[in-house]
Amino acid sequence: MSTAELITVDPLDLKFPFELNRQINSSLQLTNNTDKHVGFKVKTTNPKKYCVRPNTGVVLPRSTSEIIVTMQAQKEAPSDMQCKDKFLLQSVIANSEATAKDITPEMITKDSGNTVEECKLRVVYVPPTPSTSAVGQVTGEAFSPNAIGGSKSFVDSNDKSSEVRSLVSKLIDEKNAAIEQSNRIRRELDLLRRGSNKSQGGGVPLMFAIIVGLIGLIFGYIMKK
């Protein structure tokens, strides 16, 4: 738990019951220690891997708000089960009528003249439990270089991942390849039939019948795939 003037954050470690091919969530409790409204913004070093709901908001005086952080489904597990990803929660005094939309990046910079409080959080992988459940997509935001250690580059988490586009493109390519293979087999079958008709006067030799049968089997296999 972090005790600060504006907001207390609990816990300081975002614990994820790591499990391959599943979205896993972890939660944070933000407690406003003041009699004023406090705005907050959550940022991360790996915005494409995590989603935050909400990533910006306002905590009412002497009240508590919950933040859900979702780790996207992972295809591989780190060999040592250690994670270097980090999060940063920034908080600032807001006016009594402020909403999440009013908590702008300009408002929480130290150059703004406002008192900005920062809390750094790390990610910890833990063994999965039976209660682990997947959650839906949510949004987060990256923070600027040097926010945590200054050793990483940060990208806005609202940028769309290229994984979906890559998968769709791959499926289209496979479909086109199958269609092309099917057309080629049909053309070859046509040539065989014409050649057989010319040489045999319309009769179909045994070898040709065998070839046609094999081509039919191959064509059927390709179409099933």
Protein backbone atom coordinates (compact mmCIF):
# COMPACT_ATOMS: atom_id res chain seq x y z
CA MET A 1 0.00 0.00 0.00
CA SER A 2 1.22 3.49 -0.79
CA THR A 3 0.34 6.30 1.61
CA ALA A 4 0.36 9.70 -0.08
CA GLU A 5 -1.14 13.13 0.43
CA LEU A 6 -3.71 12.86 -2.33
CA ILE A 7 -4.39 9.20 -3.11
CA THR A 8 -3.54 5.92 -1.41
CA VAL A 9 -2.97 3.08 -3.89
CA ASP A 10 -3.45 -0.54 -2.86
CA PRO A 11 -1.73 -2.78 -3.80
CA LEU A 12 1.56 -1.55 -5.28
CA ASP A 13 2.09 -4.83 -7.13
CA LEU A 14 -0.29 -5.70 -9.95
CA LYS A 15 -0.55 -9.46 -9.54
CA PHE A 16 -1.67 -11.53 -12.51
CA PRO A 17 -2.40 -15.30 -12.22
CA PHE A 18 -0.47 -16.02 -15.40
CA GLU A 19 -2.09 -18.46 -17.82
CA LEU A 20 -1.41 -18.86 -21.52
CA ASN A 21 -4.06 -17.80 -24.07
CA ARG A 22 -6.30 -16.08 -21.51
CA GLN A 23 -7.01 -12.48 -20.56
CA ILE A 24 -6.34 -11.99 -16.86
CA ASN A 25 -7.33 -9.04 -14.69
CA SER A 26 -5.91 -7.37 -11.60
CA SER A 27 -7.47 -4.57 -9.57
CA LEU A 28 -6.29 -1.43 -7.77
CA GLN A 29 -8.06 0.48 -5.02
CA LEU A 30 -7.63 4.27 -5.06
CA THR A 31 -8.54 6.09 -1.84
CA ASN A 32 -8.88 9.87 -1.79
CA ASN A 33 -7.23 11.16 1.40
CA THR A 34 -8.49 14.71 0.97
CA ASP A 35 -11.69 16.75 1.17
CA LYS A 36 -11.26 17.71 -2.49
CA HIS A 37 -11.86 15.98 -5.80
CA VAL A 38 -8.73 14.25 -7.08
CA GLY A 39 -8.16 13.44 -10.74
CA PHE A 40 -5.98 10.52 -11.83
CA LYS A 41 -4.43 9.03 -14.96
CA VAL A 42 -2.87 5.57 -15.39
CA LYS A 43 0.03 4.97 -17.79
CA THR A 44 2.09 1.90 -18.68
CA THR A 45 5.37 0.95 -20.35
CA ASN A 46 3.62 -1.72 -22.46
CA PRO A 47 0.29 -0.30 -23.71
CA LYS A 48 -0.36 -3.04 -26.31
CA LYS A 49 -0.18 -5.73 -23.65
CA TYR A 50 -2.46 -4.14 -21.05
CA CYS A 51 -5.78 -2.36 -20.90
CA VAL A 52 -6.96 -0.15 -18.06
CA ARG A 53 -10.55 0.64 -17.03
CA PRO A 54 -10.81 3.49 -16.36
CA ASN A 55 -7.41 4.89 -17.27
CA THR A 56 -8.56 8.41 -16.35
CA GLY A 57 -11.05 9.52 -13.71
CA VAL A 58 -11.93 11.50 -10.61
CA VAL A 59 -12.07 10.15 -7.04
CA LEU A 60 -14.58 11.94 -4.83
CA PRO A 61 -13.52 13.36 -1.44
CA ARG A 62 -12.79 10.69 1.21
CA SER A 63 -14.01 7.94 -1.11
CA THR A 64 -12.55 4.93 -2.93
CA SER A 65 -12.52 3.97 -6.61
CA GLU A 66 -11.50 0.73 -8.28
CA ILE A 67 -9.36 0.33 -11.39
CA ILE A 68 -9.28 -2.92 -13.39
CA VAL A 69 -6.07 -3.68 -15.30
CA THR A 70 -6.36 -6.43 -17.93
CA MET A 71 -3.41 -8.32 -19.36
CA GLN A 72 -4.10 -9.49 -22.92
CA ALA A 73 -3.86 -13.21 -23.68
CA GLN A 74 -0.21 -14.25 -23.95
CA LYS A 75 1.04 -16.97 -26.33
CA GLU A 76 4.34 -17.52 -24.54
CA ALA A 77 5.43 -17.51 -20.91
CA PRO A 78 8.73 -15.92 -19.81
CA SER A 79 11.25 -18.58 -18.81
CA ASP A 80 11.82 -17.05 -15.36
CA MET A 81 8.20 -15.87 -14.92
CA GLN A 82 9.52 -12.36 -14.27
CA CYS A 83 7.94 -9.26 -15.79
CA LYS A 84 9.63 -5.90 -16.37
CA ASP A 85 6.42 -4.03 -17.25
CA LYS A 86 5.52 -1.09 -15.04
CA PHE A 87 2.62 1.26 -14.43
CA LEU A 88 2.46 4.86 -13.26
CA LEU A 89 -0.53 6.44 -11.53
CA GLN A 90 -0.56 10.23 -11.52
CA SER A 91 -2.98 12.24 -9.40
CA VAL A 92 -3.81 15.94 -9.12
CA ILE A 93 -6.36 18.14 -7.36
CA ALA A 94 -9.40 18.79 -9.59
CA ASN A 95 -12.35 21.13 -9.27
CA SER A 96 -15.60 19.85 -7.80
CA GLU A 97 -17.31 19.63 -11.20
CA ALA A 98 -14.50 17.80 -12.98
CA THR A 99 -15.14 14.57 -14.87
CA ALA A 100 -12.78 12.05 -16.48
CA LYS A 101 -12.74 14.13 -19.69
CA ASP A 102 -11.37 17.10 -17.76
CA ILE A 103 -8.25 15.20 -16.66
CA THR A 104 -6.08 16.13 -19.63
CA PRO A 105 -2.38 15.35 -20.17
CA GLU A 106 -1.61 19.06 -19.83
CA MET A 107 -3.30 19.14 -16.42
CA ILE A 108 -1.07 16.46 -14.90
CA THR A 109 2.31 17.66 -16.15
CA LYS A 110 4.63 19.23 -13.62
CA ASP A 111 5.04 22.21 -15.97
CA SER A 112 1.36 23.04 -15.46
CA GLY A 113 2.07 24.43 -12.00
CA ASN A 114 -0.22 21.82 -10.39
CA THR A 115 1.02 19.51 -7.67
CA VAL A 116 1.24 16.14 -9.40
CA GLU A 117 1.58 13.05 -7.24
CA GLU A 118 3.03 9.89 -8.80
CA CYS A 119 2.86 6.26 -7.70
CA LYS A 120 4.88 3.57 -9.50
CA LEU A 121 3.51 0.04 -9.77
CA ARG A 122 5.16 -3.15 -10.95
CA VAL A 123 3.71 -6.29 -12.54
CA VAL A 124 4.06 -9.66 -10.80
CA TYR A 125 3.10 -13.06 -12.25
CA VAL A 126 1.66 -15.57 -9.80
CA PRO A 127 0.45 -19.18 -10.27
CA PRO A 128 -3.14 -19.30 -11.63
CA THR A 129 -6.06 -20.11 -9.35
CA PRO A 130 -9.40 -21.78 -10.23
CA SER A 131 -11.14 -18.42 -9.90
CA THR A 132 -9.07 -16.83 -12.68
CA SER A 133 -11.42 -15.39 -15.29
CA ALA A 134 -11.06 -13.60 -18.61
CA VAL A 135 -12.40 -10.08 -19.05
CA GLY A 136 -13.24 -7.92 -22.08
CA GLN A 137 -11.25 -5.29 -23.88
CA VAL A 138 -10.69 -1.96 -22.09
CA THR A 139 -8.52 1.07 -22.75
CA GLY A 140 -5.27 2.39 -21.32
CA GLU A 141 -2.66 5.03 -22.07
CA ALA A 142 1.12 5.12 -22.31
CA PHE A 143 3.24 7.68 -20.52
CA SER A 144 6.17 9.68 -21.75
CA PRO A 145 9.81 8.51 -21.69
CA ASN A 146 11.63 8.82 -18.35
CA ALA A 147 8.34 8.48 -16.41
CA ILE A 148 9.61 5.24 -14.86
CA GLY A 149 13.33 4.80 -15.02
CA GLY A 150 13.53 6.33 -18.51
CA SER A 151 14.80 3.09 -20.03
CA LYS A 152 11.87 2.27 -22.33
CA SER A 153 9.99 3.80 -25.22
CA PHE A 154 6.28 4.30 -24.72
CA VAL A 155 3.42 4.14 -27.21
CA ASP A 156 -0.19 5.24 -26.80
CA SER A 157 -2.23 2.18 -25.90
CA ASN A 158 -5.09 3.41 -28.08
CA ASP A 159 -3.03 2.50 -31.16
CA LYS A 160 -4.59 -0.55 -32.84
CA SER A 161 -2.54 -3.73 -32.76
CA SER A 162 -1.51 -5.16 -36.14
CA GLU A 163 -2.09 -8.75 -34.99
CA VAL A 164 -5.73 -8.88 -36.14
CA ARG A 165 -4.93 -7.39 -39.54
CA SER A 166 -2.05 -9.85 -39.94
CA LEU A 167 -4.29 -12.83 -39.14
CA VAL A 168 -7.01 -11.71 -41.57
CA SER A 169 -4.42 -11.18 -44.31
CA LYS A 170 -2.98 -14.65 -43.72
CA LEU A 171 -6.41 -16.30 -43.96
CA ILE A 172 -7.18 -14.45 -47.20
CA ASP A 173 -3.84 -15.54 -48.69
CA GLU A 174 -4.52 -19.18 -47.78
CA LYS A 175 -8.00 -19.01 -49.31
CA ASN A 176 -6.65 -17.49 -52.56
CA ALA A 177 -3.91 -20.14 -52.72
CA ALA A 178 -6.49 -22.93 -52.36
CA ILE A 179 -8.67 -21.41 -55.11
CA GLU A 180 -5.67 -21.07 -57.43
CA GLN A 181 -4.66 -24.70 -56.78
CA SER A 182 -8.22 -25.81 -57.50
CA ASN A 183 -8.29 -23.89 -60.80
CA ARG A 184 -4.93 -25.32 -61.84
CA ILE A 185 -6.13 -28.88 -61.24
CA ARG A 186 -9.26 -28.22 -63.29
CA ARG A 187 -7.16 -26.85 -66.17
CA GLU A 188 -4.87 -29.91 -66.10
CA LEU A 189 -7.89 -32.21 -66.00
CA ASP A 190 -9.31 -30.43 -69.05
CA LEU A 191 -6.06 -30.88 -70.98
CA LEU A 192 -5.92 -34.56 -70.11
CA ARG A 193 -9.49 -35.12 -71.28
CA ARG A 194 -8.87 -33.33 -74.59
CA GLY A 195 -5.65 -35.25 -75.22
CA SER A 196 -7.36 -38.54 -74.45
CA ASN A 197 -10.29 -37.77 -76.76
CA LYS A 198 -7.94 -36.99 -79.67
CA SER A 199 -5.75 -40.08 -79.25
CA GLN A 200 -8.46 -42.60 -78.41
CA GLY A 201 -11.36 -41.28 -80.47
CA GLY A 202 -13.45 -40.59 -77.41
CA GLY A 203 -12.47 -43.67 -75.40
CA VAL A 204 -11.01 -43.33 -71.91
CA PRO A 205 -7.96 -45.56 -71.23
CA LEU A 206 -7.43 -47.15 -67.83
CA MET A 207 -4.38 -44.95 -67.03
CA PHE A 208 -6.36 -41.80 -67.70
CA ALA A 209 -9.18 -42.98 -65.42
CA ILE A 210 -6.61 -43.60 -62.65
CA ILE A 211 -5.09 -40.13 -63.09
CA VAL A 212 -8.51 -38.51 -63.01
CA GLY A 213 -9.34 -40.38 -59.82
CA LEU A 214 -6.12 -39.26 -58.13
CA ILE A 215 -6.67 -35.65 -59.14
CA GLY A 216 -10.20 -35.82 -57.77
CA LEU A 217 -8.90 -37.07 -54.42
CA ILE A 218 -6.33 -34.26 -54.24
CA PHE A 219 -8.95 -31.67 -55.18
CA GLY A 220 -11.31 -32.95 -52.50
CA TYR A 221 -8.55 -32.80 -49.87
CA ILE A 222 -7.67 -29.20 -50.76
CA MET A 223 -11.30 -28.05 -50.64
CA LYS A 224 -11.77 -29.64 -47.20
CA LYS A 225 -8.81 -27.64 -45.87
